[in-house]
Amino acid sequence: MNVSEFCVIRPQNQLDSLGGQDIKQQISAIAGQKFPLWIIDMSEVEFIDSSGLGALIVAQKTARQQGCRIVLCHLSGATRMIFEITQLDRVFEIVDELDQVISDSQPLLSA
């Protein structure tokens, strides 16, 4: 995959109402740039609540409206469990490693 074809968003620590707002702002910033693939790297997320899930759902809706693919990766055990309990693991494309989605290219945007 070409370097200009994807971007990576890396939420930090808690994906709650504040972290959710950060995600929404980052999504707004990339929405007009027409990246066909949006990757949300959840490796640093230790906690997620309904506000954070809502922000991810907004991100997915925005991606679809833009004709983009959105992928979540590196979910911790606790975070993965939240997605399974809420059945959002059936809604989102979730992978364990970035290599499952992209080649060794580095992203153009890393937020």
C-alpha atoms as a PDB file:
ATOM      1  CA  MET A   1       0.000   0.000   0.000  1.00  0.00           C
ATOM      2  CA  ASN A   2       1.292   3.436  -0.881  1.00  0.00           C
ATOM      3  CA  VAL A   3       2.293   5.813   1.936  1.00  0.00           C
ATOM      4  CA  SER A   4      -0.406   8.311   0.954  1.00  0.00           C
ATOM      5  CA  GLU A   5      -3.188   5.721   1.094  1.00  0.00           C
ATOM      6  CA  PHE A   6      -3.676   5.450   4.847  1.00  0.00           C
ATOM      7  CA  CYS A   7      -3.434   7.321   8.112  1.00  0.00           C
ATOM      8  CA  VAL A   8      -3.067   6.132  11.681  1.00  0.00           C
ATOM      9  CA  ILE A   9      -4.831   7.587  14.707  1.00  0.00           C
ATOM     10  CA  ARG A  10      -3.475   6.568  18.105  1.00  0.00           C
ATOM     11  CA  PRO A  11      -5.798   7.400  21.001  1.00  0.00           C
ATOM     12  CA  GLN A  12      -4.057   7.559  24.373  1.00  0.00           C
ATOM     13  CA  ASN A  13      -4.898   6.039  27.776  1.00  0.00           C
ATOM     14  CA  GLN A  14      -8.636   6.605  28.236  1.00  0.00           C
ATOM     15  CA  LEU A  15     -11.182   6.659  25.472  1.00  0.00           C
ATOM     16  CA  ASP A  16     -13.903   8.397  27.467  1.00  0.00           C
ATOM     17  CA  SER A  17     -15.764  11.653  26.785  1.00  0.00           C
ATOM     18  CA  LEU A  18     -12.512  13.649  26.592  1.00  0.00           C
ATOM     19  CA  GLY A  19     -10.670  11.021  24.554  1.00  0.00           C
ATOM     20  CA  GLY A  20     -13.746  10.652  22.363  1.00  0.00           C
ATOM     21  CA  GLN A  21     -13.661  14.367  21.588  1.00  0.00           C
ATOM     22  CA  ASP A  22     -10.010  14.008  20.564  1.00  0.00           C
ATOM     23  CA  ILE A  23     -10.925  11.173  18.183  1.00  0.00           C
ATOM     24  CA  LYS A  24     -13.748  13.224  16.664  1.00  0.00           C
ATOM     25  CA  GLN A  25     -11.371  16.168  16.097  1.00  0.00           C
ATOM     26  CA  GLN A  26      -8.754  13.948  14.478  1.00  0.00           C
ATOM     27  CA  ILE A  27     -11.378  12.336  12.245  1.00  0.00           C
ATOM     28  CA  SER A  28     -12.633  15.774  11.189  1.00  0.00           C
ATOM     29  CA  ALA A  29      -9.065  16.733  10.301  1.00  0.00           C
ATOM     30  CA  ILE A  30      -8.493  13.715   8.043  1.00  0.00           C
ATOM     31  CA  ALA A  31     -12.008  13.442   6.586  1.00  0.00           C
ATOM     32  CA  GLY A  32     -11.294  15.924   3.816  1.00  0.00           C
ATOM     33  CA  GLN A  33      -7.944  14.343   2.907  1.00  0.00           C
ATOM     34  CA  LYS A  34      -9.448  11.289   1.191  1.00  0.00           C
ATOM     35  CA  PHE A  35      -7.295   8.571   2.721  1.00  0.00           C
ATOM     36  CA  PRO A  36      -8.910   5.286   1.596  1.00  0.00           C
ATOM     37  CA  LEU A  37      -7.821   3.528   4.810  1.00  0.00           C
ATOM     38  CA  TRP A  38      -8.107   4.863   8.355  1.00  0.00           C
ATOM     39  CA  ILE A  39      -6.369   2.815  11.054  1.00  0.00           C
ATOM     40  CA  ILE A  40      -7.134   3.379  14.717  1.00  0.00           C
ATOM     41  CA  ASP A  41      -4.279   1.907  16.753  1.00  0.00           C
ATOM     42  CA  MET A  42      -5.723   1.096  20.176  1.00  0.00           C
ATOM     43  CA  SER A  43      -2.450  -0.151  21.697  1.00  0.00           C
ATOM     44  CA  GLU A  44      -2.274   2.730  24.214  1.00  0.00           C
ATOM     45  CA  VAL A  45      -5.951   2.601  25.223  1.00  0.00           C
ATOM     46  CA  GLU A  46      -6.339   1.232  28.752  1.00  0.00           C
ATOM     47  CA  PHE A  47      -9.988   2.189  29.288  1.00  0.00           C
ATOM     48  CA  ILE A  48     -12.985   2.732  27.047  1.00  0.00           C
ATOM     49  CA  ASP A  49     -16.525   3.735  27.969  1.00  0.00           C
ATOM     50  CA  SER A  50     -19.751   4.448  26.093  1.00  0.00           C
ATOM     51  CA  SER A  51     -18.531   7.923  25.084  1.00  0.00           C
ATOM     52  CA  GLY A  52     -15.413   6.416  23.547  1.00  0.00           C
ATOM     53  CA  LEU A  53     -17.442   3.753  21.771  1.00  0.00           C
ATOM     54  CA  GLY A  54     -19.758   6.467  20.487  1.00  0.00           C
ATOM     55  CA  ALA A  55     -16.808   8.417  19.105  1.00  0.00           C
ATOM     56  CA  LEU A  56     -15.572   5.311  17.291  1.00  0.00           C
ATOM     57  CA  ILE A  57     -19.036   4.752  15.833  1.00  0.00           C
ATOM     58  CA  VAL A  58     -19.051   8.368  14.599  1.00  0.00           C
ATOM     59  CA  ALA A  59     -15.601   7.759  13.100  1.00  0.00           C
ATOM     60  CA  GLN A  60     -16.855   4.667  11.311  1.00  0.00           C
ATOM     61  CA  LYS A  61     -19.916   6.483   9.977  1.00  0.00           C
ATOM     62  CA  THR A  62     -17.720   9.346   8.741  1.00  0.00           C
ATOM     63  CA  ALA A  63     -15.323   6.897   7.081  1.00  0.00           C
ATOM     64  CA  ARG A  64     -18.165   5.151   5.280  1.00  0.00           C
ATOM     65  CA  GLN A  65     -19.607   8.467   4.108  1.00  0.00           C
ATOM     66  CA  GLN A  66     -16.166   9.315   2.693  1.00  0.00           C
ATOM     67  CA  GLY A  67     -15.924   5.895   1.015  1.00  0.00           C
ATOM     68  CA  CYS A  68     -13.071   4.916   3.342  1.00  0.00           C
ATOM     69  CA  ARG A  69     -12.244   1.711   5.180  1.00  0.00           C
ATOM     70  CA  ILE A  70     -11.683   1.959   8.931  1.00  0.00           C
ATOM     71  CA  VAL A  71      -9.810  -0.682  10.911  1.00  0.00           C
ATOM     72  CA  LEU A  72      -9.139  -1.018  14.642  1.00  0.00           C
ATOM     73  CA  CYS A  73      -5.969  -2.786  15.755  1.00  0.00           C
ATOM     74  CA  HIS A  74      -4.040  -3.729  18.879  1.00  0.00           C
ATOM     75  CA  LEU A  75      -7.019  -3.986  21.233  1.00  0.00           C
ATOM     76  CA  SER A  76      -6.063  -5.016  24.769  1.00  0.00           C
ATOM     77  CA  GLY A  77      -7.888  -7.916  26.381  1.00  0.00           C
ATOM     78  CA  ALA A  78     -10.193  -5.645  28.394  1.00  0.00           C
ATOM     79  CA  THR A  79     -10.929  -3.385  25.428  1.00  0.00           C
ATOM     80  CA  ARG A  80     -11.581  -6.366  23.166  1.00  0.00           C
ATOM     81  CA  MET A  81     -13.994  -7.724  25.782  1.00  0.00           C
ATOM     82  CA  ILE A  82     -15.980  -4.445  25.690  1.00  0.00           C
ATOM     83  CA  PHE A  83     -16.295  -4.784  21.913  1.00  0.00           C
ATOM     84  CA  GLU A  84     -17.428  -8.407  22.281  1.00  0.00           C
ATOM     85  CA  ILE A  85     -19.963  -7.670  25.043  1.00  0.00           C
ATOM     86  CA  THR A  86     -21.477  -4.802  23.054  1.00  0.00           C
ATOM     87  CA  GLN A  87     -21.241  -6.898  19.862  1.00  0.00           C
ATOM     88  CA  LEU A  88     -19.352  -4.046  18.205  1.00  0.00           C
ATOM     89  CA  ASP A  89     -16.751  -6.628  17.194  1.00  0.00           C
ATOM     90  CA  ARG A  90     -19.302  -7.539  14.507  1.00  0.00           C
ATOM     91  CA  VAL A  91     -19.577  -3.909  13.374  1.00  0.00           C
ATOM     92  CA  PHE A  92     -15.894  -2.921  13.246  1.00  0.00           C
ATOM     93  CA  GLU A  93     -13.082  -4.534  11.336  1.00  0.00           C
ATOM     94  CA  ILE A  94     -10.654  -5.524  14.104  1.00  0.00           C
ATOM     95  CA  VAL A  95      -7.178  -6.936  13.517  1.00  0.00           C
ATOM     96  CA  ASP A  96      -4.395  -7.885  15.880  1.00  0.00           C
ATOM     97  CA  GLU A  97      -1.494  -6.425  13.902  1.00  0.00           C
ATOM     98  CA  LEU A  98      -1.100  -3.588  11.413  1.00  0.00           C
ATOM     99  CA  ASP A  99       0.726  -6.000   9.107  1.00  0.00           C
ATOM    100  CA  GLN A 100      -2.606  -7.728   8.541  1.00  0.00           C
ATOM    101  CA  VAL A 101      -3.816  -4.553   6.838  1.00  0.00           C
ATOM    102  CA  ILE A 102      -0.832  -2.755   5.350  1.00  0.00           C
ATOM    103  CA  SER A 103       2.659  -3.435   4.061  1.00  0.00           C
ATOM    104  CA  ASP A 104       5.786  -2.105   5.731  1.00  0.00           C
ATOM    105  CA  SER A 105       5.020   1.442   4.516  1.00  0.00           C
ATOM    106  CA  GLN A 106       4.995   4.200   7.096  1.00  0.00           C
ATOM    107  CA  PRO A 107       1.809   6.279   7.357  1.00  0.00           C
ATOM    108  CA  LEU A 108       1.696   9.808   6.049  1.00  0.00           C
ATOM    109  CA  LEU A 109      -0.250  11.044   9.062  1.00  0.00           C
ATOM    110  CA  SER A 110       0.171   9.768  12.574  1.00  0.00           C
ATOM    111  CA  ALA A 111      -2.050  11.534  15.088  1.00  0.00           C
END
